[in-house]
Amino acid sequence: MSQTYSFTGIFSKPVPYSSENNLVTISKIIVPRIQRNYAQGRNGENETKIRENFLREIFKNLAVNTVMGMNFMYGAVKKNKENDKEEYVMELLDGQQRFTTLYLLHWYLLNKEKKQNDPAFKPVRDALKSFLYETRTTATKFCKSLADYTCDFGEDKPSEHITKARWYYRTYDKDSTVAGMLVMLDAIDAYYKKYDIKNALERTDNLQFYVLPLMQFSKSEELYMKMNARGLPLSVFDSFKADFTGAMRKVEQLNNEKVQLEGGMEGEEVTHIENISIKLDAKWIDLFWNSSRKKDSDISYMRFFSRFFACRYLIDNQRAPKEMRDTEAAVNLFYTRTEKSKDQYLGFDKYAEELQAHPEYFTAAEKVLDTLQEHQGLIKESLTPVWDKDKEEKGNFFVDADITFTQTLLTVMGAIEEFILTFETFDEELYKKWMRVVWNIVENTDIDNLERVATTLRIVLPNFRPAERGFKSRI
């Protein structure tokens, strides 16, 4: 999948429909009713951080006129039932936030740079009118009116002119999507003035993304529900995922390496970054999804990553185990503070430091998650010792944040991760033997703090690593 699209290009370049060779042209992009409201314009701490980071990257690229990759837009491509013409629409399943921001950016630049009547920018005007919001009637009407609205707001904030327009109704004030769009337009205005870019609208084709129609991914409407059942505000995991994928783009090897597209057509390749991004949204979510606790699935997803990083820090860090008591050690954020915080995003700085020192953690997390999904039953069974009579009641701490998590279980998690990462393939019989050893050790060790976790892991793990990693197996 090498074809990229821009905000205007999505309406002119054909996209795959039912196969790679069956191409159709999209006439409309729709944000369907089931989608969450526009969240990038909210004023919460997490949303503000994501908005500022996203706009900063956009304007940096516009300033130097270079391509900015915006990952994938997932959508369900369907025939337009509103008329008899051979037209196709795409309902956005993931990418709504980014695409809405592109819509607002293009409207702003079209008016700010006074290109409303320039024939060269007719594709921009047409694209604005081809983007439809169906989350609420007020959002639908607002976007239609905004696409037709032209104004000269000079040095004023865009929101000041829009809210005074004759077509702007007071009922729009109560729509969180509309309110978020006005916040985003004012933020775009601030960055435009800060970077002082001339003719920025001419450079917006450099803001590019890939398109992945849903039917190519062999997923049903169930995926649609899972990707959008996380509430109206951006979740803790949404914030982490944005930072995680942003950090991943800085790894040259992942940018250059081509891999088979997960869930794609045979022979279809993408960069390793794009493949991991797809798995984050459309594959691994199955591990954490539970219809009885939809709103908590993102918390469990986030908790997996924080615990994963805690384990890697305890195993790989060169600091002495006793230094894990230091409140400034990253493991205290990954484990101690995060375990106490259910729905608060504690920032990405510590994660960024570890990923900069260990870029292999991106593919390590990928391998662990792939293995957890492929061997769910066996791994869940191994999360309690074979002699435990209450296995079914204990659950799976890898994927369920509601399960009480202790330092002992953190030790077990680290041992499982290391087994997965040590061997190229997952040997089920060897894994069972290893877990018997692990449980014998942890059940007979007093593990009541992070220092004990680090000590136990660093003593135990070298005893099973294979010869090719410089160790002899005792299993």
Protein backbone atom coordinates (compact mmCIF):
# COMPACT_ATOMS: atom_id res chain seq x y z
CA MET A 1 0.00 0.00 0.00
CA SER A 2 2.08 2.88 -1.32
CA GLN A 3 -0.69 5.28 -2.40
CA THR A 4 -1.08 8.31 -0.17
CA TYR A 5 -3.89 10.85 -0.12
CA SER A 6 -4.40 14.43 0.96
CA PHE A 7 -7.55 16.24 2.08
CA THR A 8 -8.43 17.11 -1.50
CA GLY A 9 -6.79 14.03 -3.04
CA ILE A 10 -9.13 11.60 -1.28
CA PHE A 11 -11.91 12.93 -3.53
CA SER A 12 -9.96 12.54 -6.77
CA LYS A 13 -7.59 9.57 -6.39
CA PRO A 14 -9.40 6.21 -6.58
CA VAL A 15 -9.33 3.96 -3.49
CA PRO A 16 -9.60 0.14 -3.34
CA TYR A 17 -13.17 -1.05 -2.91
CA SER A 18 -13.49 -4.84 -2.81
CA SER A 19 -9.98 -5.64 -4.04
CA GLU A 20 -6.72 -3.96 -4.97
CA ASN A 21 -7.81 -3.79 -8.61
CA ASN A 22 -11.41 -2.72 -7.97
CA LEU A 23 -10.99 1.03 -7.55
CA VAL A 24 -13.69 3.62 -6.93
CA THR A 25 -13.74 7.38 -6.43
CA ILE A 26 -15.06 8.77 -3.17
CA SER A 27 -17.66 11.53 -3.47
CA LYS A 28 -18.24 12.09 0.26
CA ILE A 29 -16.48 11.48 3.56
CA ILE A 30 -18.98 10.95 6.39
CA VAL A 31 -18.52 10.96 10.15
CA PRO A 32 -21.37 8.59 11.08
CA ARG A 33 -23.80 8.92 13.97
CA ILE A 34 -22.12 6.25 16.04
CA GLN A 35 -18.84 8.19 16.15
CA ARG A 36 -17.75 10.19 19.17
CA ASN A 37 -17.91 13.97 19.04
CA TYR A 38 -14.91 15.97 17.88
CA ALA A 39 -12.52 15.78 20.82
CA GLN A 40 -9.31 17.46 19.62
CA GLY A 41 -10.94 20.83 20.27
CA ARG A 42 -11.80 20.11 23.89
CA ASN A 43 -10.03 22.11 26.58
CA GLY A 44 -9.07 19.21 28.84
CA GLU A 45 -5.41 18.74 29.69
CA ASN A 46 -4.98 15.63 27.53
CA GLU A 47 -6.88 17.06 24.56
CA THR A 48 -4.99 20.36 24.71
CA LYS A 49 -1.65 18.57 24.68
CA ILE A 50 -2.62 16.45 21.67
CA ARG A 51 -4.00 19.48 19.82
CA GLU A 52 -0.88 21.55 20.43
CA ASN A 53 1.48 18.73 19.42
CA PHE A 54 -0.52 17.96 16.28
CA LEU A 55 -0.70 21.58 15.11
CA ARG A 56 2.96 22.13 15.89
CA GLU A 57 3.92 19.22 13.63
CA ILE A 58 1.58 20.40 10.88
CA PHE A 59 2.93 23.94 10.80
CA LYS A 60 6.54 22.83 11.07
CA ASN A 61 6.06 20.77 7.91
CA LEU A 62 4.13 23.52 6.14
CA ALA A 63 6.91 25.97 6.99
CA VAL A 64 9.62 23.91 5.31
CA ASN A 65 7.26 22.47 2.67
CA THR A 66 7.94 18.81 3.45
CA VAL A 67 5.67 15.77 3.57
CA MET A 68 4.02 14.91 6.89
CA GLY A 69 2.76 11.36 7.26
CA MET A 70 -0.53 11.12 9.15
CA ASN A 71 -0.84 7.32 9.29
CA PHE A 72 -4.05 5.56 8.23
CA MET A 73 -7.65 6.61 7.85
CA TYR A 74 -9.90 3.57 8.23
CA GLY A 75 -13.28 3.66 6.56
CA ALA A 76 -16.23 1.64 5.31
CA VAL A 77 -16.59 2.34 1.57
CA LYS A 78 -20.21 2.03 0.47
CA LYS A 79 -22.36 2.85 -2.50
CA ASN A 80 -24.26 6.10 -2.08
CA LYS A 81 -27.89 5.14 -1.53
CA GLU A 82 -29.16 8.70 -1.85
CA ASN A 83 -29.21 8.64 -5.64
CA ASP A 84 -29.00 6.26 -8.60
CA LYS A 85 -25.56 7.40 -9.69
CA GLU A 86 -22.52 5.16 -9.36
CA GLU A 87 -21.18 7.12 -6.38
CA TYR A 88 -19.31 5.92 -3.32
CA VAL A 89 -19.00 7.37 0.15
CA MET A 90 -16.60 6.49 2.97
CA GLU A 91 -17.77 6.40 6.57
CA LEU A 92 -14.80 7.15 8.82
CA LEU A 93 -14.14 4.53 11.47
CA ASP A 94 -10.81 5.84 12.67
CA GLY A 95 -9.12 9.08 11.70
CA GLN A 96 -12.13 11.30 12.36
CA GLN A 97 -10.17 13.59 14.67
CA ARG A 98 -7.29 14.10 12.22
CA PHE A 99 -9.56 14.46 9.17
CA THR A 100 -11.80 17.00 10.94
CA THR A 101 -8.71 19.03 11.83
CA LEU A 102 -7.64 18.93 8.16
CA TYR A 103 -11.12 20.14 7.19
CA LEU A 104 -10.85 23.08 9.60
CA LEU A 105 -7.29 23.85 8.51
CA HIS A 106 -8.29 24.03 4.84
CA TRP A 107 -11.31 26.23 5.59
CA TYR A 108 -9.12 28.55 7.65
CA LEU A 109 -6.36 28.86 5.03
CA LEU A 110 -8.85 29.31 2.20
CA ASN A 111 -10.31 32.33 4.01
CA LYS A 112 -7.17 33.64 5.69
CA GLU A 113 -5.24 33.71 2.43
CA LYS A 114 -8.31 34.99 0.51
CA LYS A 115 -8.40 32.18 -2.02
CA GLN A 116 -12.19 31.71 -1.89
CA ASN A 117 -12.68 32.72 -5.53
CA ASP A 118 -9.39 31.52 -6.96
CA PRO A 119 -10.14 28.86 -9.65
CA ALA A 120 -6.94 27.02 -8.69
CA PHE A 121 -8.46 26.19 -5.29
CA LYS A 122 -11.83 24.93 -6.44
CA PRO A 123 -10.84 21.37 -5.31
CA VAL A 124 -10.48 22.73 -1.76
CA ARG A 125 -13.94 24.32 -1.85
CA ASP A 126 -15.44 21.12 -3.26
CA ALA A 127 -13.69 18.98 -0.65
CA LEU A 128 -15.04 21.16 2.18
CA LYS A 129 -18.57 20.60 0.91
CA SER A 130 -17.98 16.85 0.59
CA PHE A 131 -17.22 16.32 4.28
CA LEU A 132 -20.35 15.54 6.29
CA TYR A 133 -20.87 15.25 10.04
CA GLU A 134 -23.76 13.05 11.16
CA THR A 135 -23.04 12.77 14.89
CA ARG A 136 -25.72 15.37 15.68
CA THR A 137 -28.03 17.50 13.57
CA THR A 138 -26.43 20.70 14.85
CA ALA A 139 -22.96 19.47 13.83
CA THR A 140 -24.28 18.52 10.38
CA LYS A 141 -25.80 21.95 9.80
CA PHE A 142 -22.78 23.79 11.20
CA CYS A 143 -20.32 22.04 8.86
CA LYS A 144 -22.51 22.62 5.83
CA SER A 145 -22.85 26.30 6.65
CA LEU A 146 -19.14 26.69 7.44
CA ALA A 147 -18.13 25.12 4.12
CA ASP A 148 -20.14 27.81 2.28
CA TYR A 149 -19.12 30.66 4.54
CA THR A 150 -16.51 33.15 3.41
CA CYS A 151 -15.18 35.94 5.56
CA ASP A 152 -12.21 38.21 6.13
CA PHE A 153 -11.37 37.91 9.83
CA GLY A 154 -8.10 39.81 9.55
CA GLU A 155 -6.30 39.73 12.89
CA ASP A 156 -9.39 38.66 14.82
CA LYS A 157 -9.98 35.11 15.99
CA PRO A 158 -12.02 33.05 13.51
CA SER A 159 -14.54 32.11 16.22
CA GLU A 160 -15.41 35.78 16.75
CA HIS A 161 -16.60 36.12 13.16
CA ILE A 162 -18.27 32.72 12.91
CA THR A 163 -20.37 33.14 16.06
CA LYS A 164 -21.59 36.51 14.76
CA ALA A 165 -22.56 35.17 11.33
CA ARG A 166 -26.26 35.27 10.41
CA TRP A 167 -26.33 31.51 9.89
CA TYR A 168 -24.89 30.73 13.34
CA TYR A 169 -27.64 29.63 15.75
CA ARG A 170 -27.39 29.78 19.53
CA THR A 171 -28.18 26.06 19.66
CA TYR A 172 -24.70 25.47 18.23
CA ASP A 173 -23.28 26.67 21.56
CA LYS A 174 -24.56 23.49 23.23
CA ASP A 175 -22.97 21.11 20.71
CA SER A 176 -19.57 19.93 21.96
CA THR A 177 -18.41 19.16 18.41
CA VAL A 178 -19.13 22.70 17.23
CA ALA A 179 -17.52 24.16 20.35
CA GLY A 180 -14.45 22.01 19.76
CA MET A 181 -14.20 23.14 16.13
CA LEU A 182 -14.22 26.78 17.18
CA VAL A 183 -11.45 26.12 19.70
CA MET A 184 -9.41 24.34 17.02
CA LEU A 185 -9.88 27.16 14.49
CA ASP A 186 -8.59 29.69 17.02
CA ALA A 187 -5.63 27.41 17.76
CA ILE A 188 -4.90 27.09 14.03
CA ASP A 189 -5.04 30.88 13.78
CA ALA A 190 -2.48 31.22 16.59
CA TYR A 191 -0.05 28.80 14.94
CA TYR A 192 -0.50 30.41 11.52
CA LYS A 193 0.46 33.78 12.97
CA LYS A 194 3.35 32.28 14.92
CA TYR A 195 4.93 30.59 11.89
CA ASP A 196 4.04 33.40 9.46
CA ILE A 197 3.85 31.10 6.42
CA LYS A 198 3.01 32.66 3.07
CA ASN A 199 0.71 30.71 0.75
CA ALA A 200 0.39 27.80 3.17
CA LEU A 201 -2.71 26.51 1.36
CA GLU A 202 -0.54 25.62 -1.63
CA ARG A 203 1.47 23.28 0.59
CA THR A 204 -1.33 21.32 2.24
CA ASP A 205 -1.06 18.43 -0.22
CA ASN A 206 2.07 17.54 1.79
CA LEU A 207 -0.21 16.49 4.68
CA GLN A 208 -0.68 12.90 3.58
CA PHE A 209 -2.29 9.72 4.89
CA TYR A 210 -3.06 6.19 3.78
CA VAL A 211 -6.60 4.90 3.33
CA LEU A 212 -7.61 1.44 4.46
CA PRO A 213 -11.17 0.44 3.48
CA LEU A 214 -12.74 -1.77 6.13
CA MET A 215 -13.57 -4.69 3.83
CA GLN A 216 -9.86 -5.09 3.05
CA PHE A 217 -9.23 -5.71 6.70
CA SER A 218 -11.76 -8.55 6.91
CA LYS A 219 -13.42 -6.89 9.88
CA SER A 220 -17.10 -6.44 10.60
CA GLU A 221 -19.14 -3.71 12.24
CA GLU A 222 -17.95 -5.18 15.55
CA LEU A 223 -14.59 -3.50 14.97
CA TYR A 224 -16.49 -0.29 14.31
CA MET A 225 -18.14 -0.55 17.73
CA LYS A 226 -14.92 -1.41 19.53
CA MET A 227 -13.00 1.50 18.06
CA ASN A 228 -15.67 4.00 19.09
CA ALA A 229 -17.04 2.81 22.42
CA ARG A 230 -14.55 4.73 24.54
CA GLY A 231 -16.65 7.73 25.49
CA LEU A 232 -16.71 11.29 24.21
CA PRO A 233 -13.47 12.74 25.59
CA LEU A 234 -10.12 11.41 24.53
CA SER A 235 -9.22 8.53 26.81
CA VAL A 236 -5.96 8.00 28.68
CA PHE A 237 -4.97 5.46 26.04
CA ASP A 238 -5.85 7.86 23.19
CA SER A 239 -3.34 10.30 24.66
CA PHE A 240 -0.70 7.62 25.13
CA LYS A 241 -1.26 6.19 21.65
CA ALA A 242 -0.79 9.60 20.03
CA ASP A 243 2.51 10.06 21.85
CA PHE A 244 3.59 6.45 21.25
CA THR A 245 3.03 6.60 17.47
CA GLY A 246 4.69 10.01 17.36
CA ALA A 247 7.79 8.58 19.05
CA MET A 248 7.72 5.62 16.69
CA ARG A 249 8.00 7.91 13.66
CA LYS A 250 11.42 9.02 14.91
CA VAL A 251 12.87 5.49 14.54
CA GLU A 252 14.52 5.36 11.12
CA GLN A 253 14.52 1.57 10.87
CA LEU A 254 10.77 1.33 11.46
CA ASN A 255 10.21 4.05 8.86
CA ASN A 256 12.25 2.24 6.22
CA GLU A 257 11.42 -1.40 6.93
CA LYS A 258 8.59 -2.89 4.84
CA VAL A 259 6.40 -5.66 6.26
CA GLN A 260 3.29 -7.57 5.21
CA LEU A 261 0.20 -5.52 6.03
CA GLU A 262 -1.63 -7.10 8.97
CA GLY A 263 -5.07 -7.98 7.68
CA GLY A 264 -4.33 -6.68 4.19
CA MET A 265 -4.39 -8.35 0.80
CA GLU A 266 -1.74 -10.91 -0.09
CA GLY A 267 1.58 -9.30 -0.91
CA GLU A 268 0.49 -5.89 0.34
CA GLU A 269 3.32 -4.16 2.20
CA VAL A 270 3.51 -1.07 4.40
CA THR A 271 6.17 0.41 6.65
CA HIS A 272 6.64 -1.28 10.00
CA ILE A 273 5.32 1.86 11.71
CA GLU A 274 2.08 1.75 9.76
CA ASN A 275 1.60 -1.93 10.49
CA ILE A 276 2.04 -1.44 14.25
CA SER A 277 -0.37 1.51 14.11
CA ILE A 278 -3.00 -0.67 12.47
CA LYS A 279 -2.51 -3.41 15.04
CA LEU A 280 -2.96 -0.88 17.85
CA ASP A 281 -6.37 0.10 16.52
CA ALA A 282 -7.73 -2.96 14.82
CA LYS A 283 -6.07 -6.15 16.10
CA TRP A 284 -4.88 -5.93 19.69
CA ILE A 285 -8.01 -4.13 20.84
CA ASP A 286 -9.68 -7.57 20.76
CA LEU A 287 -7.51 -8.58 23.70
CA PHE A 288 -8.80 -5.79 25.92
CA TRP A 289 -12.37 -5.46 24.70
CA ASN A 290 -15.10 -6.68 27.01
CA SER A 291 -18.70 -5.82 26.19
CA SER A 292 -19.55 -5.67 29.90
CA ARG A 293 -16.91 -3.01 30.61
CA LYS A 294 -16.58 -1.05 27.36
CA LYS A 295 -15.40 2.14 29.03
CA ASP A 296 -12.65 0.30 30.90
CA SER A 297 -11.12 -1.40 27.88
CA ASP A 298 -8.86 1.58 27.20
CA ILE A 299 -7.73 1.65 30.82
CA SER A 300 -6.73 -2.02 30.54
CA TYR A 301 -4.97 -1.28 27.24
CA MET A 302 -3.03 1.58 28.85
CA ARG A 303 -2.24 -0.55 31.89
CA PHE A 304 -0.68 -3.23 29.70
CA PHE A 305 1.79 -0.72 28.28
CA SER A 306 2.67 0.86 31.62
CA ARG A 307 3.33 -2.59 33.11
CA PHE A 308 5.27 -3.65 30.02
CA PHE A 309 7.57 -0.66 30.42
CA ALA A 310 7.90 -1.31 34.15
CA CYS A 311 9.08 -4.86 33.42
CA ARG A 312 11.55 -3.74 30.76
CA TYR A 313 12.95 -1.09 33.11
CA LEU A 314 13.38 -3.56 35.96
CA ILE A 315 15.11 -6.09 33.69
CA ASP A 316 17.21 -3.92 31.38
CA ASN A 317 18.08 -0.87 33.43
CA GLN A 318 21.65 -0.77 34.71
CA ARG A 319 20.69 0.83 38.00
CA ALA A 320 21.15 -1.26 41.13
CA PRO A 321 17.92 -2.89 42.36
CA LYS A 322 17.99 -0.83 45.56
CA GLU A 323 17.76 2.33 43.44
CA MET A 324 14.26 1.31 42.36
CA ARG A 325 13.13 2.88 45.62
CA ASP A 326 14.07 6.27 44.19
CA THR A 327 10.85 8.16 43.45
CA GLU A 328 12.56 9.72 40.40
CA ALA A 329 13.13 6.33 38.79
CA ALA A 330 10.91 5.86 35.74
CA VAL A 331 9.54 2.60 37.11
CA ASN A 332 7.71 4.57 39.78
CA LEU A 333 5.65 6.25 37.07
CA PHE A 334 5.22 3.07 35.02
CA TYR A 335 4.11 1.02 38.00
CA THR A 336 3.51 2.72 41.34
CA ARG A 337 1.85 5.94 40.18
CA THR A 338 -0.01 4.46 37.22
CA GLU A 339 -1.47 1.61 39.28
CA LYS A 340 -2.97 4.20 41.63
CA SER A 341 -4.31 6.35 38.79
CA LYS A 342 -7.25 4.85 36.95
CA ASP A 343 -8.09 7.49 34.37
CA GLN A 344 -5.39 10.19 34.53
CA TYR A 345 -2.68 10.48 31.89
CA LEU A 346 0.64 11.01 33.66
CA GLY A 347 2.56 12.14 30.60
CA PHE A 348 4.94 10.54 28.11
CA ASP A 349 8.33 11.95 29.10
CA LYS A 350 9.55 8.84 30.94
CA TYR A 351 8.29 6.56 28.17
CA ALA A 352 10.07 8.75 25.61
CA GLU A 353 13.35 8.46 27.53
CA GLU A 354 13.14 4.67 27.60
CA LEU A 355 12.18 4.43 23.93
CA GLN A 356 15.04 6.69 22.93
CA ALA A 357 17.45 4.45 24.84
CA HIS A 358 15.71 1.25 23.71
CA PRO A 359 13.96 1.72 20.34
CA GLU A 360 13.66 -2.08 20.22
CA TYR A 361 10.83 -1.77 22.74
CA PHE A 362 8.44 -0.89 19.90
CA THR A 363 8.91 -4.30 18.25
CA ALA A 364 9.20 -6.00 21.65
CA ALA A 365 5.73 -4.77 22.60
CA GLU A 366 4.49 -5.86 19.18
CA LYS A 367 5.83 -9.39 19.66
CA VAL A 368 4.41 -9.70 23.17
CA LEU A 369 0.94 -8.52 22.09
CA ASP A 370 0.93 -10.79 19.02
CA THR A 371 1.89 -13.75 21.22
CA LEU A 372 -0.71 -12.90 23.86
CA GLN A 373 -3.37 -12.94 21.17
CA GLU A 374 -2.18 -16.12 19.48
CA HIS A 375 -1.83 -18.10 22.72
CA GLN A 376 -4.52 -16.51 24.87
CA GLY A 377 -5.77 -19.70 26.51
CA LEU A 378 -2.40 -21.12 27.50
CA ILE A 379 -1.04 -17.81 28.80
CA LYS A 380 -4.16 -17.09 30.83
CA GLU A 381 -3.93 -20.56 32.38
CA SER A 382 -0.28 -19.95 33.31
CA LEU A 383 -1.05 -16.76 35.26
CA THR A 384 -1.68 -18.82 38.37
CA PRO A 385 0.36 -21.83 39.57
CA VAL A 386 -0.76 -25.28 38.43
CA TRP A 387 -1.65 -26.17 42.02
CA ASP A 388 -4.05 -23.23 42.38
CA LYS A 389 -7.67 -24.45 42.53
CA ASP A 390 -9.24 -21.06 41.69
CA LYS A 391 -7.78 -20.45 38.22
CA GLU A 392 -11.00 -19.31 36.57
CA GLU A 393 -11.71 -16.75 39.29
CA LYS A 394 -8.29 -15.05 38.98
CA GLY A 395 -8.72 -13.82 35.39
CA ASN A 396 -6.03 -12.42 33.08
CA PHE A 397 -4.04 -9.49 34.50
CA PHE A 398 -2.44 -8.87 31.09
CA VAL A 399 -5.71 -7.58 29.65
CA ASP A 400 -7.92 -6.67 32.61
CA ALA A 401 -6.96 -3.69 34.78
CA ASP A 402 -9.68 -4.55 37.30
CA ILE A 403 -7.66 -7.50 38.61
CA THR A 404 -5.61 -6.66 41.70
CA PHE A 405 -2.01 -6.42 40.54
CA THR A 406 0.86 -7.05 42.95
CA GLN A 407 4.66 -7.02 42.84
CA THR A 408 4.52 -10.81 42.61
CA LEU A 409 2.37 -10.63 39.48
CA LEU A 410 4.67 -7.95 38.06
CA THR A 411 7.53 -10.44 38.46
CA VAL A 412 5.50 -13.13 36.70
CA MET A 413 4.64 -10.72 33.89
CA GLY A 414 8.31 -9.83 33.42
CA ALA A 415 9.25 -13.52 33.25
CA ILE A 416 6.58 -14.21 30.63
CA GLU A 417 7.62 -11.21 28.54
CA GLU A 418 11.24 -12.32 28.63
CA PHE A 419 10.33 -15.84 27.53
CA ILE A 420 8.39 -14.45 24.55
CA LEU A 421 11.21 -12.09 23.58
CA THR A 422 14.00 -14.63 24.03
CA PHE A 423 12.78 -17.27 21.59
CA GLU A 424 12.04 -16.70 17.93
CA THR A 425 8.97 -18.95 18.10
CA PHE A 426 6.69 -19.77 21.01
CA ASP A 427 7.27 -23.34 22.19
CA GLU A 428 4.23 -24.27 24.28
CA GLU A 429 5.81 -27.22 26.09
CA LEU A 430 8.94 -25.27 26.98
CA TYR A 431 6.73 -22.40 28.14
CA LYS A 432 4.80 -24.69 30.51
CA LYS A 433 8.07 -25.94 32.01
CA TRP A 434 9.34 -22.40 32.40
CA MET A 435 6.17 -21.25 34.16
CA ARG A 436 6.42 -24.09 36.66
CA VAL A 437 9.92 -22.84 37.49
CA VAL A 438 8.72 -19.23 37.72
CA TRP A 439 5.86 -20.02 40.07
CA ASN A 440 8.04 -22.19 42.29
CA ILE A 441 10.44 -19.28 42.66
CA VAL A 442 7.94 -16.48 43.25
CA GLU A 443 5.82 -18.55 45.64
CA ASN A 444 8.90 -19.11 47.78
CA THR A 445 10.23 -15.56 47.61
CA ASP A 446 9.05 -12.57 49.62
CA ILE A 447 8.36 -10.06 46.83
CA ASP A 448 6.87 -6.98 48.44
CA ASN A 449 8.61 -4.08 46.69
CA LEU A 450 10.16 -3.12 43.36
CA GLU A 451 13.66 -3.82 44.58
CA ARG A 452 12.68 -7.46 45.19
CA VAL A 453 11.01 -7.63 41.77
CA ALA A 454 14.18 -6.39 40.04
CA THR A 455 16.42 -8.71 42.06
CA THR A 456 14.26 -11.78 41.40
CA LEU A 457 14.01 -11.12 37.67
CA ARG A 458 17.71 -10.41 37.23
CA ILE A 459 18.72 -13.58 39.11
CA VAL A 460 16.17 -15.91 37.52
CA LEU A 461 16.14 -14.86 33.85
CA PRO A 462 19.75 -15.70 32.86
CA ASN A 463 19.12 -19.29 33.93
CA PHE A 464 16.80 -20.07 31.05
CA ARG A 465 18.10 -17.96 28.17
CA PRO A 466 19.37 -20.11 25.29
CA ALA A 467 23.00 -20.44 24.29
CA GLU A 468 22.67 -18.04 21.36
CA ARG A 469 22.10 -15.24 23.88
CA GLY A 470 25.13 -16.27 25.91
CA PHE A 471 23.36 -18.31 28.57
CA LYS A 472 22.64 -21.97 29.22
CA SER A 473 19.13 -23.20 29.84
CA ARG A 474 18.48 -25.06 33.07
CA ILE A 475 15.06 -26.26 31.93
